[in-house]
Amino acid sequence: MIDVLVVDDDFRVAEVHAAYAAKVPGFRVTGRAHSAAEALAALERRPVDLVLLDHHLPDENGLALVRRMRAAGIGCDVMMVTAARDVSTVHAAMQHGALQYLVKPFTFTGLREKLVAYAQLRHALAGPAARETCQDEVDRMFAAMRSAAPPAATLPKGHSAPTTDLVLGVLRKAGRPLSAQEVADHSGLSRSTAQRYLKQLERDSRLRLSLRYGDTGRPEHRYLLPSRG
């Protein structure tokens, strides 16, 4: 198993990313951290193979954390998973040895492609470290991390894939129609945010809308996942 530490300042996003990684065969999420200090402490307690690292952390940025990791002798691999998309940050991540750079928002498929490529690289590197290799094998090692990811699903402006999955997950777990307020209560989102995502998902035919009439005569909008079959 490939052990993974998920580092993101947003608790809900960290949970979504951890759930994504755990769905990929061969990967096991062993911890979550929400600051650079938490991440460094977690790595000192329990080494991992791979860190899924956000750049924007409350105490210092992700690249500064990588420098501290290397100074402390922590040599695990790093995959940047962040909304930072300026060229200078991407270049700095490459200089610091990040194996992949995945821009938020992304879909499960996008992360899965990166993780599968990483697993292929680890397989290619397996064996005695001192053994010699040939050019073809070297090319395969580098090609493993250059595999093309599928295009991310198109999302409306202001919508993110992790929050979309969070809303769908709440409805899936409930197994019954929920109002926007109920989705907000279960997800930790504001009612207005939950309502905005529910309406978009209903427009995309990913949810069904039902109406419940109360004593006031004004119907309450309730949302549910389409039945399978």
Protein backbone atom coordinates (compact mmCIF):
# COMPACT_ATOMS: atom_id res chain seq x y z
CA MET A 1 0.00 0.00 0.00
CA ILE A 2 1.09 3.58 -0.73
CA ASP A 3 0.54 5.69 2.39
CA VAL A 4 -0.76 9.22 1.80
CA LEU A 5 -0.97 12.36 3.96
CA VAL A 6 -3.54 14.94 2.81
CA VAL A 7 -2.66 18.55 3.67
CA ASP A 8 -5.28 21.26 3.08
CA ASP A 9 -6.37 24.22 5.20
CA ASP A 10 -10.06 23.57 4.43
CA PHE A 11 -11.32 20.66 6.55
CA ARG A 12 -14.10 19.74 4.12
CA VAL A 13 -11.84 19.85 1.07
CA ALA A 14 -9.27 17.70 2.91
CA GLU A 15 -11.97 15.10 3.56
CA VAL A 16 -13.03 15.09 -0.10
CA HIS A 17 -9.44 14.71 -1.31
CA ALA A 18 -8.83 11.95 1.23
CA ALA A 19 -11.96 10.14 0.03
CA TYR A 20 -10.78 10.49 -3.58
CA ALA A 21 -7.32 9.06 -2.79
CA ALA A 22 -8.74 6.20 -0.74
CA LYS A 23 -10.87 5.12 -3.72
CA VAL A 24 -7.78 4.47 -5.86
CA PRO A 25 -6.58 0.85 -5.45
CA GLY A 26 -3.23 0.59 -3.71
CA PHE A 27 -3.51 3.90 -1.86
CA ARG A 28 -4.22 4.36 1.85
CA VAL A 29 -4.80 7.72 3.54
CA THR A 30 -3.07 7.60 6.92
CA GLY A 31 -3.59 11.20 8.01
CA ARG A 32 -4.89 14.69 7.37
CA ALA A 33 -3.35 18.03 8.33
CA HIS A 34 -4.67 21.56 8.03
CA SER A 35 -1.51 23.60 8.56
CA ALA A 36 2.21 23.29 7.85
CA ALA A 37 2.93 22.69 11.53
CA GLU A 38 0.35 19.89 11.72
CA ALA A 39 1.74 18.32 8.56
CA LEU A 40 5.34 18.36 9.80
CA ALA A 41 4.31 16.88 13.15
CA ALA A 42 2.30 14.15 11.40
CA LEU A 43 5.26 13.26 9.17
CA GLU A 44 7.60 13.07 12.14
CA ARG A 45 5.17 10.75 13.93
CA ARG A 46 4.46 8.50 10.98
CA PRO A 47 6.38 8.53 7.67
CA VAL A 48 4.32 8.33 4.47
CA ASP A 49 5.10 7.72 0.81
CA LEU A 50 3.21 10.67 -0.67
CA VAL A 51 1.92 14.06 0.49
CA LEU A 52 -1.02 15.67 -1.33
CA LEU A 53 -0.09 19.25 -0.53
CA ASP A 54 -2.05 22.48 -0.79
CA HIS A 55 0.05 25.61 -1.33
CA HIS A 56 -2.13 28.02 0.66
CA LEU A 57 -1.79 27.08 4.34
CA PRO A 58 -2.53 29.34 7.33
CA ASP A 59 0.99 29.40 8.82
CA GLU A 60 3.24 29.12 5.75
CA ASN A 61 2.92 28.10 2.13
CA GLY A 62 3.33 24.58 0.86
CA LEU A 63 6.72 25.12 -0.76
CA ALA A 64 8.14 26.49 2.50
CA LEU A 65 6.87 23.32 4.15
CA VAL A 66 8.66 21.20 1.55
CA ARG A 67 11.91 23.01 2.37
CA ARG A 68 11.43 22.28 6.07
CA MET A 69 10.65 18.63 5.29
CA ARG A 70 13.88 18.23 3.33
CA ALA A 71 15.89 20.01 6.04
CA ALA A 72 14.47 17.55 8.57
CA GLY A 73 15.44 14.59 6.39
CA ILE A 74 11.85 13.76 5.37
CA GLY A 75 12.18 12.46 1.83
CA CYS A 76 8.64 11.43 0.94
CA ASP A 77 7.25 12.39 -2.47
CA VAL A 78 5.10 15.49 -2.90
CA MET A 79 2.18 16.15 -5.23
CA MET A 80 0.90 19.73 -5.21
CA VAL A 81 -2.91 19.91 -5.09
CA THR A 82 -3.75 23.60 -5.07
CA ALA A 83 -5.64 26.51 -6.59
CA ALA A 84 -2.35 28.41 -7.06
CA ARG A 85 -1.84 28.55 -10.81
CA ASP A 86 0.67 31.39 -11.31
CA VAL A 87 3.71 30.33 -13.31
CA SER A 88 6.18 31.32 -10.59
CA THR A 89 4.57 28.94 -8.07
CA VAL A 90 4.41 26.11 -10.61
CA HIS A 91 8.08 26.64 -11.49
CA ALA A 92 9.07 26.76 -7.81
CA ALA A 93 7.19 23.51 -7.20
CA MET A 94 9.18 21.87 -9.97
CA GLN A 95 12.43 23.19 -8.46
CA HIS A 96 11.44 21.76 -5.09
CA GLY A 97 10.88 18.32 -6.60
CA ALA A 98 7.10 18.11 -6.74
CA LEU A 99 6.29 15.10 -8.91
CA GLN A 100 2.90 16.40 -10.04
CA TYR A 101 0.92 19.63 -9.90
CA LEU A 102 -2.88 19.34 -9.93
CA VAL A 103 -4.88 22.58 -10.13
CA LYS A 104 -8.14 22.92 -8.18
CA PRO A 105 -10.94 22.39 -8.88
CA PHE A 106 -10.53 18.91 -10.30
CA THR A 107 -12.54 15.73 -10.56
CA PHE A 108 -11.90 12.34 -9.02
CA THR A 109 -10.81 11.12 -12.45
CA GLY A 110 -8.17 13.84 -12.64
CA LEU A 111 -6.62 12.88 -9.31
CA ARG A 112 -6.91 9.16 -10.05
CA GLU A 113 -4.88 9.62 -13.26
CA LYS A 114 -2.10 11.35 -11.31
CA LEU A 115 -2.07 8.71 -8.58
CA VAL A 116 -2.03 5.82 -11.03
CA ALA A 117 0.91 7.43 -12.84
CA TYR A 118 2.69 7.84 -9.50
CA ALA A 119 2.12 4.17 -8.65
CA GLN A 120 3.56 3.20 -12.05
CA LEU A 121 6.65 5.29 -11.31
CA ARG A 122 7.13 3.59 -7.94
CA HIS A 123 6.82 0.21 -9.64
CA ALA A 124 9.44 1.23 -12.21
CA LEU A 125 11.78 2.32 -9.41
CA ALA A 126 11.32 -0.87 -7.39
CA GLY A 127 14.38 -3.00 -6.75
CA PRO A 128 17.90 -2.35 -5.50
CA ALA A 129 18.77 1.34 -5.61
CA ALA A 130 22.28 0.61 -6.83
CA ARG A 131 21.22 -1.43 -9.86
CA GLU A 132 21.97 0.02 -13.26
CA THR A 133 19.31 0.80 -15.83
CA CYS A 134 19.09 1.49 -19.54
CA GLN A 135 17.79 4.43 -21.54
CA ASP A 136 14.50 2.70 -22.37
CA GLU A 137 13.75 2.11 -18.70
CA VAL A 138 14.73 5.68 -17.82
CA ASP A 139 12.34 6.92 -20.51
CA ARG A 140 9.54 4.79 -19.07
CA MET A 141 10.17 6.21 -15.59
CA PHE A 142 9.90 9.79 -16.79
CA ALA A 143 6.96 9.00 -19.06
CA ALA A 144 5.00 7.58 -16.13
CA MET A 145 4.66 11.04 -14.60
CA ARG A 146 3.91 12.73 -17.92
CA SER A 147 0.78 10.71 -18.62
CA ALA A 148 -1.95 12.94 -19.94
CA ALA A 149 -4.82 13.55 -17.59
CA PRO A 150 -8.32 13.71 -19.05
CA PRO A 151 -9.85 17.17 -19.27
CA ALA A 152 -11.53 18.27 -16.08
CA ALA A 153 -15.29 18.34 -16.02
CA THR A 154 -16.65 21.77 -16.93
CA LEU A 155 -18.05 23.52 -13.88
CA PRO A 156 -19.91 26.84 -13.71
CA LYS A 157 -17.88 29.81 -12.53
CA GLY A 158 -17.67 29.86 -8.74
CA HIS A 159 -18.35 26.12 -8.39
CA SER A 160 -15.78 23.57 -7.28
CA ALA A 161 -15.64 19.80 -7.76
CA PRO A 162 -14.99 19.03 -4.04
CA THR A 163 -18.03 21.07 -2.93
CA THR A 164 -20.16 19.46 -5.64
CA ASP A 165 -19.10 16.02 -4.39
CA LEU A 166 -19.76 17.10 -0.80
CA VAL A 167 -23.37 18.05 -1.63
CA LEU A 168 -23.94 14.83 -3.58
CA GLY A 169 -22.42 12.83 -0.74
CA VAL A 170 -24.85 14.33 1.78
CA LEU A 171 -27.82 13.38 -0.41
CA ARG A 172 -26.41 9.93 -1.09
CA LYS A 173 -25.95 9.26 2.63
CA ALA A 174 -29.41 10.58 3.52
CA GLY A 175 -31.16 8.37 0.97
CA ARG A 176 -34.19 10.68 0.95
CA PRO A 177 -35.14 14.12 -0.38
CA LEU A 178 -33.52 17.01 1.51
CA SER A 179 -34.10 20.75 1.54
CA ALA A 180 -31.31 23.27 1.00
CA GLN A 181 -31.28 23.98 4.75
CA GLU A 182 -30.92 20.29 5.57
CA VAL A 183 -28.05 19.92 3.10
CA ALA A 184 -26.40 22.98 4.65
CA ASP A 185 -26.81 21.54 8.16
CA HIS A 186 -25.27 18.19 7.17
CA SER A 187 -22.42 19.62 5.07
CA GLY A 188 -21.36 22.68 7.03
CA LEU A 189 -22.03 24.91 4.03
CA SER A 190 -24.12 28.06 4.22
CA ARG A 191 -27.73 27.73 3.10
CA SER A 192 -27.14 30.04 0.13
CA THR A 193 -24.14 27.99 -1.05
CA ALA A 194 -26.04 24.72 -0.66
CA GLN A 195 -28.98 26.19 -2.58
CA ARG A 196 -26.71 27.41 -5.39
CA TYR A 197 -25.11 23.98 -5.84
CA LEU A 198 -28.43 22.14 -5.59
CA LYS A 199 -30.00 24.31 -8.27
CA GLN A 200 -27.05 23.78 -10.61
CA LEU A 201 -27.07 20.01 -10.05
CA GLU A 202 -30.81 19.95 -10.76
CA ARG A 203 -30.25 21.94 -13.98
CA ASP A 204 -27.56 19.43 -14.96
CA SER A 205 -30.07 16.57 -14.36
CA ARG A 206 -27.85 15.13 -11.62
CA LEU A 207 -30.58 15.72 -9.04
CA ARG A 208 -34.36 15.58 -9.06
CA LEU A 209 -36.51 18.32 -7.59
CA SER A 210 -39.61 17.52 -5.59
CA LEU A 211 -42.08 19.86 -3.90
CA ARG A 212 -43.54 19.46 -0.42
CA TYR A 213 -46.49 21.62 0.52
CA GLY A 214 -46.88 22.78 4.10
CA ASP A 215 -49.49 24.73 6.01
CA THR A 216 -48.52 28.03 4.39
CA GLY A 217 -49.30 26.72 0.92
CA ARG A 218 -45.84 27.68 -0.30
CA PRO A 219 -44.01 24.57 -1.52
CA GLU A 220 -40.65 23.61 -0.07
CA HIS A 221 -38.06 22.58 -2.63
CA ARG A 222 -36.46 19.25 -1.83
CA TYR A 223 -33.72 17.47 -3.77
CA LEU A 224 -32.87 13.80 -4.25
CA LEU A 225 -30.58 11.66 -6.35
CA PRO A 226 -32.19 10.05 -9.40
CA SER A 227 -33.11 6.41 -8.91
CA ARG A 228 -30.86 3.88 -10.63
CA GLY A 229 -32.25 1.42 -13.06
